[in-house]
Amino acid sequence: MLVRIELSIPTPSGLSVRAEAVVDSGLAQRVYVKHGAGNFESRQVETGERFGDRVQILRGLAEGKQVVASGTFLVDSETRLRPITP
């Protein structure tokens, strides 16, 4: 027997990013914001609820900023080797 159930779950309001965009070091959560051509700036953020493939951002990021959504591990590794100077 198969049953199909649809539940309506409200999503939190406000700013959210793809879960892949958040780098969690265990001590802090960071996203990388595009800062000019080929430059990225690390921003510490406070995350809220996770829903599907998205994470709510409570603090640390303004609406309209472009964040790295995939390959964040590579960007994070590169910035640890060579500090970014804006």
PDB file of N, CA and C in Angstrom:
ATOM      1  N   MET A   1       0.832  -1.153   0.000  1.00  0.00           N
ATOM      2  CA  MET A   1       0.000   0.000   0.000  1.00  0.00           C
ATOM      3  C   MET A   1       0.894   1.240   0.000  1.00  0.00           C
ATOM      4  N   LEU A   2       0.629   2.160  -0.869  1.00  0.00           N
ATOM      5  CA  LEU A   2       1.353   3.431  -0.946  1.00  0.00           C
ATOM      6  C   LEU A   2       0.438   4.563  -0.525  1.00  0.00           C
ATOM      7  N   VAL A   3       1.042   5.498   0.172  1.00  0.00           N
ATOM      8  CA  VAL A   3       0.295   6.664   0.625  1.00  0.00           C
ATOM      9  C   VAL A   3       1.111   7.898   0.294  1.00  0.00           C
ATOM     10  N   ARG A   4       0.484   8.897  -0.227  1.00  0.00           N
ATOM     11  CA  ARG A   4       1.151  10.170  -0.505  1.00  0.00           C
ATOM     12  C   ARG A   4       0.613  11.208   0.463  1.00  0.00           C
ATOM     13  N   ILE A   5       1.538  11.809   1.195  1.00  0.00           N
ATOM     14  CA  ILE A   5       1.150  12.821   2.176  1.00  0.00           C
ATOM     15  C   ILE A   5       1.882  14.108   1.857  1.00  0.00           C
ATOM     16  N   GLU A   6       1.172  15.199   1.858  1.00  0.00           N
ATOM     17  CA  GLU A   6       1.777  16.517   1.664  1.00  0.00           C
ATOM     18  C   GLU A   6       1.523  17.345   2.906  1.00  0.00           C
ATOM     19  N   LEU A   7       2.610  17.857   3.478  1.00  0.00           N
ATOM     20  CA  LEU A   7       2.498  18.701   4.657  1.00  0.00           C
ATOM     21  C   LEU A   7       2.949  20.106   4.312  1.00  0.00           C
ATOM     22  N   SER A   8       2.218  21.055   4.751  1.00  0.00           N
ATOM     23  CA  SER A   8       2.583  22.448   4.541  1.00  0.00           C
ATOM     24  C   SER A   8       3.373  22.921   5.757  1.00  0.00           C
ATOM     25  N   ILE A   9       4.676  23.175   5.553  1.00  0.00           N
ATOM     26  CA  ILE A   9       5.538  23.625   6.638  1.00  0.00           C
ATOM     27  C   ILE A   9       6.004  25.033   6.307  1.00  0.00           C
ATOM     28  N   PRO A  10       5.716  25.981   7.169  1.00  0.00           N
ATOM     29  CA  PRO A  10       6.154  27.351   6.890  1.00  0.00           C
ATOM     30  C   PRO A  10       7.677  27.471   6.960  1.00  0.00           C
ATOM     31  N   THR A  11       8.236  28.178   6.003  1.00  0.00           N
ATOM     32  CA  THR A  11       9.678  28.419   6.030  1.00  0.00           C
ATOM     33  C   THR A  11       9.943  29.717   6.773  1.00  0.00           C
ATOM     34  N   PRO A  12      11.075  29.797   7.469  1.00  0.00           N
ATOM     35  CA  PRO A  12      11.376  31.021   8.214  1.00  0.00           C
ATOM     36  C   PRO A  12      11.567  32.207   7.265  1.00  0.00           C
ATOM     37  N   SER A  13      11.132  33.355   7.709  1.00  0.00           N
ATOM     38  CA  SER A  13      11.290  34.548   6.879  1.00  0.00           C
ATOM     39  C   SER A  13      12.701  35.096   7.037  1.00  0.00           C
ATOM     40  N   GLY A  14      13.101  35.936   6.104  1.00  0.00           N
ATOM     41  CA  GLY A  14      14.410  36.567   6.190  1.00  0.00           C
ATOM     42  C   GLY A  14      15.377  36.016   5.173  1.00  0.00           C
ATOM     43  N   LEU A  15      16.627  36.273   5.416  1.00  0.00           N
ATOM     44  CA  LEU A  15      17.707  35.929   4.504  1.00  0.00           C
ATOM     45  C   LEU A  15      18.111  34.468   4.664  1.00  0.00           C
ATOM     46  N   SER A  16      18.361  33.800   3.530  1.00  0.00           N
ATOM     47  CA  SER A  16      18.864  32.432   3.580  1.00  0.00           C
ATOM     48  C   SER A  16      19.849  32.223   2.430  1.00  0.00           C
ATOM     49  N   VAL A  17      20.731  31.246   2.604  1.00  0.00           N
ATOM     50  CA  VAL A  17      21.695  30.875   1.570  1.00  0.00           C
ATOM     51  C   VAL A  17      21.674  29.359   1.429  1.00  0.00           C
ATOM     52  N   ARG A  18      22.260  28.873   0.350  1.00  0.00           N
ATOM     53  CA  ARG A  18      22.383  27.428   0.191  1.00  0.00           C
ATOM     54  C   ARG A  18      23.253  26.889   1.317  1.00  0.00           C
ATOM     55  N   ALA A  19      22.912  25.733   1.827  1.00  0.00           N
ATOM     56  CA  ALA A  19      23.652  25.130   2.934  1.00  0.00           C
ATOM     57  C   ALA A  19      25.121  24.929   2.577  1.00  0.00           C
ATOM     58  N   GLU A  20      25.412  24.658   1.304  1.00  0.00           N
ATOM     59  CA  GLU A  20      26.787  24.473   0.850  1.00  0.00           C
ATOM     60  C   GLU A  20      27.627  25.732   0.998  1.00  0.00           C
ATOM     61  N   ALA A  21      26.992  26.886   1.069  1.00  0.00           N
ATOM     62  CA  ALA A  21      27.717  28.155   1.156  1.00  0.00           C
ATOM     63  C   ALA A  21      28.307  28.399   2.540  1.00  0.00           C
ATOM     64  N   VAL A  22      27.787  27.713   3.551  1.00  0.00           N
ATOM     65  CA  VAL A  22      28.235  27.933   4.928  1.00  0.00           C
ATOM     66  C   VAL A  22      29.371  26.971   5.267  1.00  0.00           C
ATOM     67  N   VAL A  23      30.499  27.535   5.690  1.00  0.00           N
ATOM     68  CA  VAL A  23      31.636  26.743   6.146  1.00  0.00           C
ATOM     69  C   VAL A  23      31.591  26.749   7.669  1.00  0.00           C
ATOM     70  N   ASP A  24      31.427  25.567   8.253  1.00  0.00           N
ATOM     71  CA  ASP A  24      31.317  25.452   9.710  1.00  0.00           C
ATOM     72  C   ASP A  24      32.603  24.859  10.254  1.00  0.00           C
ATOM     73  N   SER A  25      33.360  25.666  11.006  1.00  0.00           N
ATOM     74  CA  SER A  25      34.631  25.212  11.561  1.00  0.00           C
ATOM     75  C   SER A  25      34.452  24.561  12.933  1.00  0.00           C
ATOM     76  N   GLY A  26      33.241  24.572  13.434  1.00  0.00           N
ATOM     77  CA  GLY A  26      32.992  24.065  14.776  1.00  0.00           C
ATOM     78  C   GLY A  26      32.966  25.198  15.787  1.00  0.00           C
ATOM     79  N   LEU A  27      33.769  26.222  15.564  1.00  0.00           N
ATOM     80  CA  LEU A  27      33.787  27.396  16.443  1.00  0.00           C
ATOM     81  C   LEU A  27      32.977  28.537  15.860  1.00  0.00           C
ATOM     82  N   ALA A  28      32.894  28.597  14.533  1.00  0.00           N
ATOM     83  CA  ALA A  28      32.173  29.683  13.862  1.00  0.00           C
ATOM     84  C   ALA A  28      31.681  29.212  12.505  1.00  0.00           C
ATOM     85  N   GLN A  29      30.657  29.886  12.006  1.00  0.00           N
ATOM     86  CA  GLN A  29      30.160  29.633  10.663  1.00  0.00           C
ATOM     87  C   GLN A  29      30.544  30.835   9.803  1.00  0.00           C
ATOM     88  N   ARG A  30      31.014  30.555   8.587  1.00  0.00           N
ATOM     89  CA  ARG A  30      31.451  31.615   7.680  1.00  0.00           C
ATOM     90  C   ARG A  30      30.868  31.402   6.299  1.00  0.00           C
ATOM     91  N   VAL A  31      30.696  32.513   5.596  1.00  0.00           N
ATOM     92  CA  VAL A  31      30.395  32.478   4.170  1.00  0.00           C
ATOM     93  C   VAL A  31      31.440  33.346   3.484  1.00  0.00           C
ATOM     94  N   TYR A  32      31.636  33.137   2.199  1.00  0.00           N
ATOM     95  CA  TYR A  32      32.576  33.937   1.424  1.00  0.00           C
ATOM     96  C   TYR A  32      31.791  34.806   0.460  1.00  0.00           C
ATOM     97  N   VAL A  33      31.984  36.117   0.602  1.00  0.00           N
ATOM     98  CA  VAL A  33      31.276  37.108  -0.201  1.00  0.00           C
ATOM     99  C   VAL A  33      32.192  37.565  -1.329  1.00  0.00           C
ATOM    100  N   LYS A  34      31.623  37.664  -2.534  1.00  0.00           N
ATOM    101  CA  LYS A  34      32.391  38.153  -3.678  1.00  0.00           C
ATOM    102  C   LYS A  34      32.759  39.611  -3.428  1.00  0.00           C
ATOM    103  N   HIS A  35      34.052  39.895  -3.559  1.00  0.00           N
ATOM    104  CA  HIS A  35      34.574  41.240  -3.286  1.00  0.00           C
ATOM    105  C   HIS A  35      35.500  41.623  -4.440  1.00  0.00           C
ATOM    106  N   GLY A  36      34.908  42.057  -5.538  1.00  0.00           N
ATOM    107  CA  GLY A  36      35.711  42.391  -6.713  1.00  0.00           C
ATOM    108  C   GLY A  36      35.938  41.171  -7.587  1.00  0.00           C
ATOM    109  N   ALA A  37      36.698  41.357  -8.649  1.00  0.00           N
ATOM    110  CA  ALA A  37      36.955  40.298  -9.620  1.00  0.00           C
ATOM    111  C   ALA A  37      37.921  39.263  -9.049  1.00  0.00           C
ATOM    112  N   GLY A  38      37.421  38.092  -8.757  1.00  0.00           N
ATOM    113  CA  GLY A  38      38.259  37.009  -8.282  1.00  0.00           C
ATOM    114  C   GLY A  38      38.680  37.105  -6.826  1.00  0.00           C
ATOM    115  N   ASN A  39      38.155  38.074  -6.087  1.00  0.00           N
ATOM    116  CA  ASN A  39      38.482  38.219  -4.664  1.00  0.00           C
ATOM    117  C   ASN A  39      37.254  37.908  -3.821  1.00  0.00           C
ATOM    118  N   PHE A  40      37.502  37.283  -2.682  1.00  0.00           N
ATOM    119  CA  PHE A  40      36.422  36.906  -1.783  1.00  0.00           C
ATOM    120  C   PHE A  40      36.758  37.325  -0.374  1.00  0.00           C
ATOM    121  N   GLU A  41      35.735  37.729   0.348  1.00  0.00           N
ATOM    122  CA  GLU A  41      35.904  38.168   1.735  1.00  0.00           C
ATOM    123  C   GLU A  41      35.168  37.196   2.654  1.00  0.00           C
ATOM    124  N   SER A  42      35.850  36.738   3.689  1.00  0.00           N
ATOM    125  CA  SER A  42      35.251  35.838   4.664  1.00  0.00           C
ATOM    126  C   SER A  42      34.384  36.649   5.623  1.00  0.00           C
ATOM    127  N   ARG A  43      33.154  36.182   5.840  1.00  0.00           N
ATOM    128  CA  ARG A  43      32.256  36.844   6.781  1.00  0.00           C
ATOM    129  C   ARG A  43      31.736  35.829   7.786  1.00  0.00           C
ATOM    130  N   GLN A  44      31.895  36.145   9.054  1.00  0.00           N
ATOM    131  CA  GLN A  44      31.330  35.280  10.084  1.00  0.00           C
ATOM    132  C   GLN A  44      29.844  35.567  10.161  1.00  0.00           C
ATOM    133  N   VAL A  45      29.042  34.507  10.180  1.00  0.00           N
ATOM    134  CA  VAL A  45      27.586  34.650  10.221  1.00  0.00           C
ATOM    135  C   VAL A  45      27.022  33.841  11.370  1.00  0.00           C
ATOM    136  N   GLU A  46      25.826  34.213  11.762  1.00  0.00           N
ATOM    137  CA  GLU A  46      25.077  33.429  12.733  1.00  0.00           C
ATOM    138  C   GLU A  46      23.940  32.772  11.967  1.00  0.00           C
ATOM    139  N   THR A  47      23.873  31.456  12.058  1.00  0.00           N
ATOM    140  CA  THR A  47      22.860  30.726  11.316  1.00  0.00           C
ATOM    141  C   THR A  47      21.667  30.404  12.197  1.00  0.00           C
ATOM    142  N   GLY A  48      20.539  30.210  11.540  1.00  0.00           N
ATOM    143  CA  GLY A  48      19.306  29.851  12.238  1.00  0.00           C
ATOM    144  C   GLY A  48      18.861  28.468  11.803  1.00  0.00           C
ATOM    145  N   GLU A  49      17.610  28.377  11.408  1.00  0.00           N
ATOM    146  CA  GLU A  49      17.030  27.095  11.026  1.00  0.00           C
ATOM    147  C   GLU A  49      17.535  26.633   9.660  1.00  0.00           C
ATOM    148  N   ARG A  50      17.591  25.331   9.522  1.00  0.00           N
ATOM    149  CA  ARG A  50      17.925  24.726   8.227  1.00  0.00           C
ATOM    150  C   ARG A  50      16.643  24.142   7.665  1.00  0.00           C
ATOM    151  N   PHE A  51      16.367  24.423   6.394  1.00  0.00           N
ATOM    152  CA  PHE A  51      15.172  23.899   5.761  1.00  0.00           C
ATOM    153  C   PHE A  51      15.527  23.489   4.336  1.00  0.00           C
ATOM    154  N   GLY A  52      15.472  22.187   4.114  1.00  0.00           N
ATOM    155  CA  GLY A  52      15.855  21.653   2.814  1.00  0.00           C
ATOM    156  C   GLY A  52      17.336  21.893   2.568  1.00  0.00           C
ATOM    157  N   ASP A  53      17.652  22.485   1.431  1.00  0.00           N
ATOM    158  CA  ASP A  53      19.052  22.768   1.091  1.00  0.00           C
ATOM    159  C   ASP A  53      19.451  24.202   1.428  1.00  0.00           C
ATOM    160  N   ARG A  54      18.688  24.870   2.291  1.00  0.00           N
ATOM    161  CA  ARG A  54      18.957  26.261   2.642  1.00  0.00           C
ATOM    162  C   ARG A  54      19.150  26.417   4.145  1.00  0.00           C
ATOM    163  N   VAL A  55      19.882  27.484   4.514  1.00  0.00           N
ATOM    164  CA  VAL A  55      20.134  27.804   5.913  1.00  0.00           C
ATOM    165  C   VAL A  55      19.773  29.272   6.134  1.00  0.00           C
ATOM    166  N   GLN A  56      19.041  29.533   7.179  1.00  0.00           N
ATOM    167  CA  GLN A  56      18.664  30.901   7.530  1.00  0.00           C
ATOM    168  C   GLN A  56      19.883  31.629   8.095  1.00  0.00           C
ATOM    169  N   ILE A  57      20.098  32.877   7.661  1.00  0.00           N
ATOM    170  CA  ILE A  57      21.185  33.711   8.164  1.00  0.00           C
ATOM    171  C   ILE A  57      20.566  34.786   9.054  1.00  0.00           C
ATOM    172  N   LEU A  58      20.954  34.765  10.336  1.00  0.00           N
ATOM    173  CA  LEU A  58      20.406  35.724  11.293  1.00  0.00           C
ATOM    174  C   LEU A  58      21.235  37.001  11.376  1.00  0.00           C
ATOM    175  N   ARG A  59      22.577  36.871  11.301  1.00  0.00           N
ATOM    176  CA  ARG A  59      23.474  38.035  11.402  1.00  0.00           C
ATOM    177  C   ARG A  59      24.721  37.809  10.562  1.00  0.00           C
ATOM    178  N   GLY A  60      25.301  38.936  10.105  1.00  0.00           N
ATOM    179  CA  GLY A  60      26.598  38.879   9.445  1.00  0.00           C
ATOM    180  C   GLY A  60      26.582  39.008   7.942  1.00  0.00           C
ATOM    181  N   LEU A  61      25.406  39.048   7.332  1.00  0.00           N
ATOM    182  CA  LEU A  61      25.321  39.138   5.878  1.00  0.00           C
ATOM    183  C   LEU A  61      24.137  40.002   5.486  1.00  0.00           C
ATOM    184  N   ALA A  62      24.381  40.910   4.540  1.00  0.00           N
ATOM    185  CA  ALA A  62      23.312  41.787   4.066  1.00  0.00           C
ATOM    186  C   ALA A  62      22.676  41.197   2.803  1.00  0.00           C
ATOM    187  N   GLU A  63      21.414  41.502   2.617  1.00  0.00           N
ATOM    188  CA  GLU A  63      20.701  41.060   1.434  1.00  0.00           C
ATOM    189  C   GLU A  63      21.338  41.670   0.187  1.00  0.00           C
ATOM    190  N   GLY A  64      21.414  40.885  -0.874  1.00  0.00           N
ATOM    191  CA  GLY A  64      21.956  41.365  -2.138  1.00  0.00           C
ATOM    192  C   GLY A  64      23.428  41.047  -2.350  1.00  0.00           C
ATOM    193  N   LYS A  65      24.124  40.593  -1.314  1.00  0.00           N
ATOM    194  CA  LYS A  65      25.528  40.219  -1.451  1.00  0.00           C
ATOM    195  C   LYS A  65      25.628  38.878  -2.163  1.00  0.00           C
ATOM    196  N   GLN A  66      26.642  38.735  -3.007  1.00  0.00           N
ATOM    197  CA  GLN A  66      26.872  37.474  -3.705  1.00  0.00           C
ATOM    198  C   GLN A  66      27.814  36.616  -2.877  1.00  0.00           C
ATOM    199  N   VAL A  67      27.378  35.393  -2.578  1.00  0.00           N
ATOM    200  CA  VAL A  67      28.210  34.477  -1.796  1.00  0.00           C
ATOM    201  C   VAL A  67      28.609  33.287  -2.654  1.00  0.00           C
ATOM    202  N   VAL A  68      29.724  32.678  -2.293  1.00  0.00           N
ATOM    203  CA  VAL A  68      30.171  31.461  -2.962  1.00  0.00           C
ATOM    204  C   VAL A  68      29.212  30.356  -2.557  1.00  0.00           C
ATOM    205  N   ALA A  69      28.573  29.725  -3.547  1.00  0.00           N
ATOM    206  CA  ALA A  69      27.562  28.721  -3.242  1.00  0.00           C
ATOM    207  C   ALA A  69      28.070  27.293  -3.414  1.00  0.00           C
ATOM    208  N   SER A  70      29.155  27.113  -4.139  1.00  0.00           N
ATOM    209  CA  SER A  70      29.739  25.776  -4.267  1.00  0.00           C
ATOM    210  C   SER A  70      31.250  25.930  -4.377  1.00  0.00           C
ATOM    211  N   GLY A  71      31.956  24.919  -3.952  1.00  0.00           N
ATOM    212  CA  GLY A  71      33.408  25.004  -3.954  1.00  0.00           C
ATOM    213  C   GLY A  71      33.952  25.807  -2.793  1.00  0.00           C
ATOM    214  N   THR A  72      33.148  25.976  -1.744  1.00  0.00           N
ATOM    215  CA  THR A  72      33.583  26.787  -0.606  1.00  0.00           C
ATOM    216  C   THR A  72      34.790  26.176   0.091  1.00  0.00           C
ATOM    217  N   PHE A  73      34.916  24.854   0.042  1.00  0.00           N
ATOM    218  CA  PHE A  73      36.074  24.206   0.654  1.00  0.00           C
ATOM    219  C   PHE A  73      37.360  24.695  -0.006  1.00  0.00           C
ATOM    220  N   LEU A  74      37.351  24.821  -1.323  1.00  0.00           N
ATOM    221  CA  LEU A  74      38.540  25.294  -2.043  1.00  0.00           C
ATOM    222  C   LEU A  74      38.852  26.748  -1.714  1.00  0.00           C
ATOM    223  N   VAL A  75      37.828  27.589  -1.667  1.00  0.00           N
ATOM    224  CA  VAL A  75      38.034  29.005  -1.335  1.00  0.00           C
ATOM    225  C   VAL A  75      38.552  29.131   0.092  1.00  0.00           C
ATOM    226  N   ASP A  76      37.964  28.367   1.010  1.00  0.00           N
ATOM    227  CA  ASP A  76      38.387  28.403   2.404  1.00  0.00           C
ATOM    228  C   ASP A  76      39.848  27.962   2.532  1.00  0.00           C
ATOM    229  N   SER A  77      40.221  26.898   1.852  1.00  0.00           N
ATOM    230  CA  SER A  77      41.607  26.409   1.897  1.00  0.00           C
ATOM    231  C   SER A  77      42.567  27.436   1.336  1.00  0.00           C
ATOM    232  N   GLU A  78      42.204  28.066   0.226  1.00  0.00           N
ATOM    233  CA  GLU A  78      43.058  29.060  -0.416  1.00  0.00           C
ATOM    234  C   GLU A  78      43.262  30.288   0.484  1.00  0.00           C
ATOM    235  N   THR A  79      42.212  30.718   1.153  1.00  0.00           N
ATOM    236  CA  THR A  79      42.338  31.909   2.005  1.00  0.00           C
ATOM    237  C   THR A  79      43.174  31.629   3.240  1.00  0.00           C
ATOM    238  N   ARG A  80      43.211  30.378   3.678  1.00  0.00           N
ATOM    239  CA  ARG A  80      44.048  30.036   4.823  1.00  0.00           C
ATOM    240  C   ARG A  80      45.530  30.030   4.425  1.00  0.00           C
ATOM    241  N   LEU A  81      45.806  29.719   3.165  1.00  0.00           N
ATOM    242  CA  LEU A  81      47.190  29.722   2.671  1.00  0.00           C
ATOM    243  C   LEU A  81      47.673  31.114   2.347  1.00  0.00           C
ATOM    244  N   ARG A  82      46.774  31.933   1.790  1.00  0.00           N
ATOM    245  CA  ARG A  82      47.133  33.270   1.327  1.00  0.00           C
ATOM    246  C   ARG A  82      46.047  34.242   1.747  1.00  0.00           C
ATOM    247  N   PRO A  83      46.287  35.082   2.750  1.00  0.00           N
ATOM    248  CA  PRO A  83      45.272  36.038   3.212  1.00  0.00           C
ATOM    249  C   PRO A  83      44.821  36.972   2.085  1.00  0.00           C
ATOM    250  N   ILE A  84      43.548  37.289   2.107  1.00  0.00           N
ATOM    251  CA  ILE A  84      42.982  38.191   1.118  1.00  0.00           C
ATOM    252  C   ILE A  84      43.095  39.618   1.604  1.00  0.00           C
ATOM    253  N   THR A  85      43.598  40.498   0.761  1.00  0.00           N
ATOM    254  CA  THR A  85      43.664  41.938   1.096  1.00  0.00           C
ATOM    255  C   THR A  85      42.730  42.681   0.166  1.00  0.00           C
ATOM    256  N   PRO A  86      41.641  43.252   0.687  1.00  0.00           N
ATOM    257  CA  PRO A  86      40.671  43.958  -0.163  1.00  0.00           C
ATOM    258  C   PRO A  86      41.221  45.266  -0.702  1.00  0.00           C
TER     259      PRO A  86
END
